């Protein structure tokens, strides 16, 4: 298959698509032929920075795989307050829940930068789900991660002070990109979006960042936040290597 370009971007080859879907937790347990089949059924699209890809309340007609870029999932309360939930990066997916229960989208998802996505329709997704039980396993694992993340967010809001919540949010953002011996991990998120994720006002989160800076855990350069001491930041957040809560070790439910 010869790579082609759409909108100036090179489309993924067959081998790259199989590799991408294999790295997405939802599809990771599928055999290569099944990953290729679901990828072939998808439609490639590009979302511009700030574009809303799915909107809370609209019908859920597709699941999306992120091949490049990052997006923010957020939800509006009945009172009109916006709350950020999590950042979705490549390789990742979103939109699964609405496909399963047939209810409207529970969150909106906005591109934080230009993103390349693969859109798989509800019909194609459910068709594969009925034919291959390995997708059910991946789906259950993904739902388990969602439940744990939401449980963590509820617990964090009541048990952690704001500097600890900010530290934990920063750990979750940079840890997937950290390697042994890596330094100055850059947080690719504005301070306003960080405040939404940590559940604080912009002003109070700025104060928390100043506290973390004074402890030499992070450094702020203009609009960039650089994590300079990931181990120290983990300790302040109360998480161990891998972003896991210290009181949520394996075997604890």
C-alpha atoms as a PDB file:
ATOM      1  CA  UNK A   1       0.000   0.000   0.000  1.00  0.00           C
ATOM      2  CA  UNK A   2       1.468   3.352  -1.023  1.00  0.00           C
ATOM      3  CA  UNK A   3       1.095   6.149   1.538  1.00  0.00           C
ATOM      4  CA  UNK A   4      -1.142   8.968   0.344  1.00  0.00           C
ATOM      5  CA  UNK A   5      -1.795  12.386   1.748  1.00  0.00           C
ATOM      6  CA  UNK A   6      -4.993  14.022   2.853  1.00  0.00           C
ATOM      7  CA  UNK A   7      -4.939  17.665   3.818  1.00  0.00           C
ATOM      8  CA  UNK A   8      -1.127  17.624   3.668  1.00  0.00           C
ATOM      9  CA  UNK A   9      -0.820  14.725   6.095  1.00  0.00           C
ATOM     10  CA  UNK A  10       0.540  11.312   5.168  1.00  0.00           C
ATOM     11  CA  UNK A  11      -2.022   8.570   5.671  1.00  0.00           C
ATOM     12  CA  UNK A  12      -0.939   5.526   7.642  1.00  0.00           C
ATOM     13  CA  UNK A  13       0.146   2.396   5.814  1.00  0.00           C
ATOM     14  CA  UNK A  14      -1.524  -0.967   6.407  1.00  0.00           C
ATOM     15  CA  UNK A  15       1.276  -2.041   8.752  1.00  0.00           C
ATOM     16  CA  UNK A  16       1.125   1.253  10.649  1.00  0.00           C
ATOM     17  CA  UNK A  17      -2.647   0.935  11.090  1.00  0.00           C
ATOM     18  CA  UNK A  18      -2.304  -2.588  12.487  1.00  0.00           C
ATOM     19  CA  UNK A  19       0.407  -1.369  14.860  1.00  0.00           C
ATOM     20  CA  UNK A  20      -1.665   1.652  15.935  1.00  0.00           C
ATOM     21  CA  UNK A  21      -4.801  -0.374  16.705  1.00  0.00           C
ATOM     22  CA  UNK A  22      -2.630  -2.913  18.522  1.00  0.00           C
ATOM     23  CA  UNK A  23      -1.387  -0.139  20.815  1.00  0.00           C
ATOM     24  CA  UNK A  24      -4.915   1.099  21.617  1.00  0.00           C
ATOM     25  CA  UNK A  25      -6.055  -0.720  24.790  1.00  0.00           C
ATOM     26  CA  UNK A  26      -9.565  -1.242  23.413  1.00  0.00           C
ATOM     27  CA  UNK A  27      -8.299  -3.203  20.384  1.00  0.00           C
ATOM     28  CA  UNK A  28      -4.988  -4.555  21.712  1.00  0.00           C
ATOM     29  CA  UNK A  29      -6.185  -8.162  22.161  1.00  0.00           C
ATOM     30  CA  UNK A  30      -7.485  -8.497  18.613  1.00  0.00           C
ATOM     31  CA  UNK A  31      -5.463 -10.537  16.123  1.00  0.00           C
ATOM     32  CA  UNK A  32      -3.776  -8.520  13.318  1.00  0.00           C
ATOM     33  CA  UNK A  33      -6.419  -9.497  10.688  1.00  0.00           C
ATOM     34  CA  UNK A  34      -9.226  -8.211  12.938  1.00  0.00           C
ATOM     35  CA  UNK A  35      -7.317  -5.019  13.711  1.00  0.00           C
ATOM     36  CA  UNK A  36      -6.781  -4.493   9.999  1.00  0.00           C
ATOM     37  CA  UNK A  37     -10.481  -5.099   9.296  1.00  0.00           C
ATOM     38  CA  UNK A  38     -11.715  -2.579  11.859  1.00  0.00           C
ATOM     39  CA  UNK A  39      -9.081  -0.052  10.744  1.00  0.00           C
ATOM     40  CA  UNK A  40     -10.107  -0.484   7.099  1.00  0.00           C
ATOM     41  CA  UNK A  41     -13.705   0.275   8.057  1.00  0.00           C
ATOM     42  CA  UNK A  42     -12.649   3.538   9.675  1.00  0.00           C
ATOM     43  CA  UNK A  43     -12.608   7.005   8.153  1.00  0.00           C
ATOM     44  CA  UNK A  44      -9.535   9.222   8.587  1.00  0.00           C
ATOM     45  CA  UNK A  45     -10.104  12.819   9.619  1.00  0.00           C
ATOM     46  CA  UNK A  46      -8.180  15.738  11.067  1.00  0.00           C
ATOM     47  CA  UNK A  47      -9.456  17.935  13.893  1.00  0.00           C
ATOM     48  CA  UNK A  48      -8.098  21.452  14.238  1.00  0.00           C
ATOM     49  CA  UNK A  49      -6.989  22.886  17.577  1.00  0.00           C
ATOM     50  CA  UNK A  50     -10.057  23.943  19.574  1.00  0.00           C
ATOM     51  CA  UNK A  51     -12.455  21.919  17.421  1.00  0.00           C
ATOM     52  CA  UNK A  52     -15.144  19.910  19.228  1.00  0.00           C
ATOM     53  CA  UNK A  53     -15.057  16.363  17.861  1.00  0.00           C
ATOM     54  CA  UNK A  54     -17.997  15.010  19.861  1.00  0.00           C
ATOM     55  CA  UNK A  55     -20.490  17.060  21.839  1.00  0.00           C
ATOM     56  CA  UNK A  56     -22.204  16.195  25.085  1.00  0.00           C
ATOM     57  CA  UNK A  57     -25.845  15.271  24.481  1.00  0.00           C
ATOM     58  CA  UNK A  58     -25.551  14.314  20.814  1.00  0.00           C
ATOM     59  CA  UNK A  59     -26.138  10.739  19.574  1.00  0.00           C
ATOM     60  CA  UNK A  60     -23.172   8.400  19.857  1.00  0.00           C
ATOM     61  CA  UNK A  61     -22.642   7.115  16.324  1.00  0.00           C
ATOM     62  CA  UNK A  62     -18.918   6.266  16.333  1.00  0.00           C
ATOM     63  CA  UNK A  63     -15.808   5.444  18.328  1.00  0.00           C
ATOM     64  CA  UNK A  64     -12.615   7.384  17.607  1.00  0.00           C
ATOM     65  CA  UNK A  65      -8.984   6.250  17.629  1.00  0.00           C
ATOM     66  CA  UNK A  66      -6.319   8.930  18.111  1.00  0.00           C
ATOM     67  CA  UNK A  67      -3.322   8.446  15.833  1.00  0.00           C
ATOM     68  CA  UNK A  68      -1.730  11.859  16.489  1.00  0.00           C
ATOM     69  CA  UNK A  69      -2.285  14.674  18.944  1.00  0.00           C
ATOM     70  CA  UNK A  70      -4.179  15.115  22.208  1.00  0.00           C
ATOM     71  CA  UNK A  71      -7.744  15.974  23.166  1.00  0.00           C
ATOM     72  CA  UNK A  72      -9.595  17.053  26.314  1.00  0.00           C
ATOM     73  CA  UNK A  73     -12.774  15.342  27.534  1.00  0.00           C
ATOM     74  CA  UNK A  74     -15.018  17.661  29.539  1.00  0.00           C
ATOM     75  CA  UNK A  75     -18.584  17.840  30.814  1.00  0.00           C
ATOM     76  CA  UNK A  76     -21.004  20.702  31.444  1.00  0.00           C
ATOM     77  CA  UNK A  77     -23.077  20.676  34.625  1.00  0.00           C
ATOM     78  CA  UNK A  78     -26.733  21.669  34.677  1.00  0.00           C
ATOM     79  CA  UNK A  79     -25.633  24.978  36.127  1.00  0.00           C
ATOM     80  CA  UNK A  80     -23.389  25.621  33.136  1.00  0.00           C
ATOM     81  CA  UNK A  81     -20.098  24.884  34.892  1.00  0.00           C
ATOM     82  CA  UNK A  82     -17.506  23.129  32.745  1.00  0.00           C
ATOM     83  CA  UNK A  83     -15.376  20.392  34.328  1.00  0.00           C
ATOM     84  CA  UNK A  84     -12.443  18.789  32.543  1.00  0.00           C
ATOM     85  CA  UNK A  85     -12.234  15.018  33.034  1.00  0.00           C
ATOM     86  CA  UNK A  86      -9.132  13.723  31.292  1.00  0.00           C
ATOM     87  CA  UNK A  87      -6.687  14.161  28.440  1.00  0.00           C
ATOM     88  CA  UNK A  88      -6.800  11.600  25.614  1.00  0.00           C
ATOM     89  CA  UNK A  89      -3.578  11.049  23.686  1.00  0.00           C
ATOM     90  CA  UNK A  90      -2.294   8.755  20.957  1.00  0.00           C
ATOM     91  CA  UNK A  91      -2.589   5.812  21.046  1.00  0.00           C
ATOM     92  CA  UNK A  92      -6.006   6.074  22.651  1.00  0.00           C
ATOM     93  CA  UNK A  93      -9.706   6.002  21.920  1.00  0.00           C
ATOM     94  CA  UNK A  94     -12.922   7.676  23.008  1.00  0.00           C
ATOM     95  CA  UNK A  95     -16.646   7.416  22.395  1.00  0.00           C
ATOM     96  CA  UNK A  96     -17.162   3.783  23.423  1.00  0.00           C
ATOM     97  CA  UNK A  97     -19.809   4.295  26.105  1.00  0.00           C
ATOM     98  CA  UNK A  98     -22.470   5.872  23.916  1.00  0.00           C
ATOM     99  CA  UNK A  99     -22.113   3.025  21.416  1.00  0.00           C
ATOM    100  CA  UNK A 100     -22.971   0.442  24.042  1.00  0.00           C
ATOM    101  CA  UNK A 101     -25.992   1.894  25.809  1.00  0.00           C
ATOM    102  CA  UNK A 102     -27.444   3.914  22.931  1.00  0.00           C
ATOM    103  CA  UNK A 103     -27.703   7.019  25.124  1.00  0.00           C
ATOM    104  CA  UNK A 104     -26.460  10.491  24.141  1.00  0.00           C
ATOM    105  CA  UNK A 105     -22.802  11.415  24.579  1.00  0.00           C
ATOM    106  CA  UNK A 106     -21.951  11.948  28.251  1.00  0.00           C
ATOM    107  CA  UNK A 107     -18.997  14.262  27.539  1.00  0.00           C
ATOM    108  CA  UNK A 108     -17.635  16.618  24.921  1.00  0.00           C
ATOM    109  CA  UNK A 109     -14.172  16.040  23.452  1.00  0.00           C
ATOM    110  CA  UNK A 110     -12.118  18.999  22.195  1.00  0.00           C
ATOM    111  CA  UNK A 111      -8.831  18.930  20.286  1.00  0.00           C
ATOM    112  CA  UNK A 112      -6.006  20.530  22.271  1.00  0.00           C
ATOM    113  CA  UNK A 113      -3.894  20.637  19.102  1.00  0.00           C
ATOM    114  CA  UNK A 114      -4.265  19.474  15.522  1.00  0.00           C
ATOM    115  CA  UNK A 115      -5.180  15.781  15.746  1.00  0.00           C
ATOM    116  CA  UNK A 116      -5.410  12.871  13.332  1.00  0.00           C
ATOM    117  CA  UNK A 117      -8.277  10.516  14.126  1.00  0.00           C
ATOM    118  CA  UNK A 118      -9.845   7.359  12.748  1.00  0.00           C
ATOM    119  CA  UNK A 119     -13.626   7.241  13.081  1.00  0.00           C
ATOM    120  CA  UNK A 120     -15.230   3.785  13.317  1.00  0.00           C
ATOM    121  CA  UNK A 121     -19.017   3.721  12.946  1.00  0.00           C
ATOM    122  CA  UNK A 122     -21.325   2.197  15.538  1.00  0.00           C
ATOM    123  CA  UNK A 123     -22.457  -0.469  13.055  1.00  0.00           C
ATOM    124  CA  UNK A 124     -18.888  -1.580  12.266  1.00  0.00           C
ATOM    125  CA  UNK A 125     -17.879  -1.534  15.931  1.00  0.00           C
ATOM    126  CA  UNK A 126     -20.895  -3.534  17.128  1.00  0.00           C
ATOM    127  CA  UNK A 127     -20.495  -5.943  14.204  1.00  0.00           C
ATOM    128  CA  UNK A 128     -16.955  -6.750  15.270  1.00  0.00           C
ATOM    129  CA  UNK A 129     -18.051  -6.899  18.908  1.00  0.00           C
ATOM    130  CA  UNK A 130     -20.560  -9.642  18.067  1.00  0.00           C
ATOM    131  CA  UNK A 131     -17.995 -11.644  16.068  1.00  0.00           C
ATOM    132  CA  UNK A 132     -14.889 -11.427  18.227  1.00  0.00           C
ATOM    133  CA  UNK A 133     -15.073 -11.929  22.026  1.00  0.00           C
ATOM    134  CA  UNK A 134     -11.565 -10.498  22.392  1.00  0.00           C
ATOM    135  CA  UNK A 135     -13.025  -7.056  21.752  1.00  0.00           C
ATOM    136  CA  UNK A 136     -15.390  -7.629  24.692  1.00  0.00           C
ATOM    137  CA  UNK A 137     -12.342  -8.240  26.879  1.00  0.00           C
ATOM    138  CA  UNK A 138     -10.724  -5.024  25.689  1.00  0.00           C
ATOM    139  CA  UNK A 139     -13.955  -3.137  26.255  1.00  0.00           C
ATOM    140  CA  UNK A 140     -14.309  -4.437  29.815  1.00  0.00           C
ATOM    141  CA  UNK A 141     -10.729  -3.423  30.569  1.00  0.00           C
ATOM    142  CA  UNK A 142     -11.356   0.047  29.173  1.00  0.00           C
ATOM    143  CA  UNK A 143     -14.554   0.419  31.214  1.00  0.00           C
ATOM    144  CA  UNK A 144     -12.622  -0.688  34.292  1.00  0.00           C
ATOM    145  CA  UNK A 145     -10.047   2.047  33.675  1.00  0.00           C
ATOM    146  CA  UNK A 146     -12.825   4.624  33.307  1.00  0.00           C
ATOM    147  CA  UNK A 147     -14.432   3.568  36.591  1.00  0.00           C
ATOM    148  CA  UNK A 148     -11.099   3.669  38.421  1.00  0.00           C
ATOM    149  CA  UNK A 149     -10.328   7.113  37.007  1.00  0.00           C
ATOM    150  CA  UNK A 150     -13.724   8.490  38.061  1.00  0.00           C
ATOM    151  CA  UNK A 151     -13.367   6.907  41.507  1.00  0.00           C
ATOM    152  CA  UNK A 152      -9.941   8.526  41.830  1.00  0.00           C
ATOM    153  CA  UNK A 153     -11.328  11.922  40.858  1.00  0.00           C
ATOM    154  CA  UNK A 154     -14.084  11.739  43.476  1.00  0.00           C
ATOM    155  CA  UNK A 155     -11.596  10.627  46.145  1.00  0.00           C
ATOM    156  CA  UNK A 156      -9.050  13.275  45.137  1.00  0.00           C
ATOM    157  CA  UNK A 157     -11.635  16.056  45.413  1.00  0.00           C
ATOM    158  CA  UNK A 158     -12.355  15.147  49.041  1.00  0.00           C
ATOM    159  CA  UNK A 159      -9.062  13.732  50.337  1.00  0.00           C
ATOM    160  CA  UNK A 160      -6.288  15.737  48.651  1.00  0.00           C
ATOM    161  CA  UNK A 161      -5.390  19.391  49.040  1.00  0.00           C
ATOM    162  CA  UNK A 162      -5.078  21.447  45.871  1.00  0.00           C
ATOM    163  CA  UNK A 163      -1.258  21.267  45.524  1.00  0.00           C
ATOM    164  CA  UNK A 164      -1.504  17.458  45.750  1.00  0.00           C
ATOM    165  CA  UNK A 165      -4.277  17.394  43.123  1.00  0.00           C
ATOM    166  CA  UNK A 166      -2.219  19.606  40.829  1.00  0.00           C
ATOM    167  CA  UNK A 167       0.840  17.395  41.385  1.00  0.00           C
ATOM    168  CA  UNK A 168      -1.185  14.257  40.631  1.00  0.00           C
ATOM    169  CA  UNK A 169      -2.600  15.809  37.464  1.00  0.00           C
ATOM    170  CA  UNK A 170       0.894  16.748  36.283  1.00  0.00           C
ATOM    171  CA  UNK A 171       2.162  13.214  36.986  1.00  0.00           C
ATOM    172  CA  UNK A 172      -0.639  11.713  34.904  1.00  0.00           C
ATOM    173  CA  UNK A 173       0.080  14.094  32.037  1.00  0.00           C
ATOM    174  CA  UNK A 174       3.825  13.525  31.798  1.00  0.00           C
ATOM    175  CA  UNK A 175       4.288   9.953  33.001  1.00  0.00           C
ATOM    176  CA  UNK A 176       3.353   8.300  29.674  1.00  0.00           C
ATOM    177  CA  UNK A 177       6.186  10.289  28.062  1.00  0.00           C
ATOM    178  CA  UNK A 178       8.841   9.669  30.709  1.00  0.00           C
ATOM    179  CA  UNK A 179      11.789   7.349  30.236  1.00  0.00           C
ATOM    180  CA  UNK A 180      14.590   6.345  32.568  1.00  0.00           C
ATOM    181  CA  UNK A 181      16.872   9.305  33.026  1.00  0.00           C
ATOM    182  CA  UNK A 182      14.543  11.758  31.251  1.00  0.00           C
ATOM    183  CA  UNK A 183      14.602  15.374  32.418  1.00  0.00           C
ATOM    184  CA  UNK A 184      12.414  18.457  32.079  1.00  0.00           C
ATOM    185  CA  UNK A 185       9.191  16.774  30.936  1.00  0.00           C
ATOM    186  CA  UNK A 186       6.966  19.346  29.271  1.00  0.00           C
ATOM    187  CA  UNK A 187       3.271  19.573  30.151  1.00  0.00           C
ATOM    188  CA  UNK A 188       1.396  20.150  26.890  1.00  0.00           C
ATOM    189  CA  UNK A 189      -1.587  21.854  28.504  1.00  0.00           C
ATOM    190  CA  UNK A 190      -2.472  25.437  29.326  1.00  0.00           C
ATOM    191  CA  UNK A 191      -2.696  26.471  32.972  1.00  0.00           C
ATOM    192  CA  UNK A 192      -6.401  27.143  32.468  1.00  0.00           C
ATOM    193  CA  UNK A 193      -7.027  23.573  31.298  1.00  0.00           C
ATOM    194  CA  UNK A 194      -4.810  22.302  34.126  1.00  0.00           C
ATOM    195  CA  UNK A 195      -7.018  24.178  36.598  1.00  0.00           C
ATOM    196  CA  UNK A 196     -10.090  22.452  35.148  1.00  0.00           C
ATOM    197  CA  UNK A 197      -8.497  19.010  35.474  1.00  0.00           C
ATOM    198  CA  UNK A 198      -7.306  19.633  39.032  1.00  0.00           C
ATOM    199  CA  UNK A 199     -10.666  21.026  40.132  1.00  0.00           C
ATOM    200  CA  UNK A 200      -9.532  24.482  41.217  1.00  0.00           C
ATOM    201  CA  UNK A 201      -9.751  28.080  40.105  1.00  0.00           C
ATOM    202  CA  UNK A 202      -7.067  29.491  37.829  1.00  0.00           C
ATOM    203  CA  UNK A 203      -5.821  31.729  40.642  1.00  0.00           C
ATOM    204  CA  UNK A 204      -5.648  28.948  43.247  1.00  0.00           C
ATOM    205  CA  UNK A 205      -3.918  26.576  40.818  1.00  0.00           C
ATOM    206  CA  UNK A 206      -1.352  29.271  40.039  1.00  0.00           C
ATOM    207  CA  UNK A 207      -0.664  29.386  43.784  1.00  0.00           C
ATOM    208  CA  UNK A 208      -0.279  25.599  43.876  1.00  0.00           C
ATOM    209  CA  UNK A 209       2.147  25.763  40.941  1.00  0.00           C
ATOM    210  CA  UNK A 210       4.163  28.383  42.818  1.00  0.00           C
ATOM    211  CA  UNK A 211       4.352  26.010  45.804  1.00  0.00           C
ATOM    212  CA  UNK A 212       5.563  23.145  43.603  1.00  0.00           C
ATOM    213  CA  UNK A 213       8.077  25.486  41.967  1.00  0.00           C
ATOM    214  CA  UNK A 214       9.459  26.557  45.351  1.00  0.00           C
ATOM    215  CA  UNK A 215      10.120  22.879  46.115  1.00  0.00           C
ATOM    216  CA  UNK A 216      12.012  22.500  42.807  1.00  0.00           C
ATOM    217  CA  UNK A 217       9.506  19.926  41.548  1.00  0.00           C
ATOM    218  CA  UNK A 218       8.550  21.941  38.468  1.00  0.00           C
ATOM    219  CA  UNK A 219       9.764  24.969  36.542  1.00  0.00           C
ATOM    220  CA  UNK A 220       7.616  27.460  34.655  1.00  0.00           C
ATOM    221  CA  UNK A 221       8.971  29.019  31.479  1.00  0.00           C
ATOM    222  CA  UNK A 222       6.480  31.401  29.939  1.00  0.00           C
ATOM    223  CA  UNK A 223       3.364  29.333  29.280  1.00  0.00           C
ATOM    224  CA  UNK A 224       5.199  26.025  29.607  1.00  0.00           C
ATOM    225  CA  UNK A 225       5.310  23.856  32.714  1.00  0.00           C
ATOM    226  CA  UNK A 226       8.367  21.601  32.974  1.00  0.00           C
ATOM    227  CA  UNK A 227       8.467  18.747  35.459  1.00  0.00           C
ATOM    228  CA  UNK A 228      12.032  18.673  36.796  1.00  0.00           C
ATOM    229  CA  UNK A 229      11.612  16.122  39.612  1.00  0.00           C
ATOM    230  CA  UNK A 230       9.092  13.436  38.670  1.00  0.00           C
ATOM    231  CA  UNK A 231       9.877  11.279  41.724  1.00  0.00           C
ATOM    232  CA  UNK A 232       9.360  14.234  44.045  1.00  0.00           C
ATOM    233  CA  UNK A 233       6.149  15.156  42.262  1.00  0.00           C
ATOM    234  CA  UNK A 234       4.894  11.569  42.644  1.00  0.00           C
ATOM    235  CA  UNK A 235       5.639  11.737  46.365  1.00  0.00           C
ATOM    236  CA  UNK A 236       3.740  15.036  46.732  1.00  0.00           C
ATOM    237  CA  UNK A 237       0.803  13.559  44.833  1.00  0.00           C
ATOM    238  CA  UNK A 238       0.820  10.314  46.812  1.00  0.00           C
ATOM    239  CA  UNK A 239       1.279   8.047  43.801  1.00  0.00           C
ATOM    240  CA  UNK A 240       3.860   5.383  43.014  1.00  0.00           C
ATOM    241  CA  UNK A 241       5.577   4.578  39.716  1.00  0.00           C
ATOM    242  CA  UNK A 242       2.941   4.149  37.018  1.00  0.00           C
ATOM    243  CA  UNK A 243       0.646   6.829  38.425  1.00  0.00           C
ATOM    244  CA  UNK A 244      -1.037   4.403  40.852  1.00  0.00           C
ATOM    245  CA  UNK A 245      -2.318   5.636  44.196  1.00  0.00           C
ATOM    246  CA  UNK A 246      -0.301   4.393  47.167  1.00  0.00           C
ATOM    247  CA  UNK A 247      -3.494   3.015  48.724  1.00  0.00           C
ATOM    248  CA  UNK A 248      -4.636   1.414  45.441  1.00  0.00           C
ATOM    249  CA  UNK A 249      -1.972  -1.242  44.938  1.00  0.00           C
ATOM    250  CA  UNK A 250      -2.742  -4.470  43.035  1.00  0.00           C
ATOM    251  CA  UNK A 251      -5.121  -6.749  44.923  1.00  0.00           C
ATOM    252  CA  UNK A 252      -6.936  -3.876  46.623  1.00  0.00           C
ATOM    253  CA  UNK A 253     -10.039  -4.116  44.371  1.00  0.00           C
END
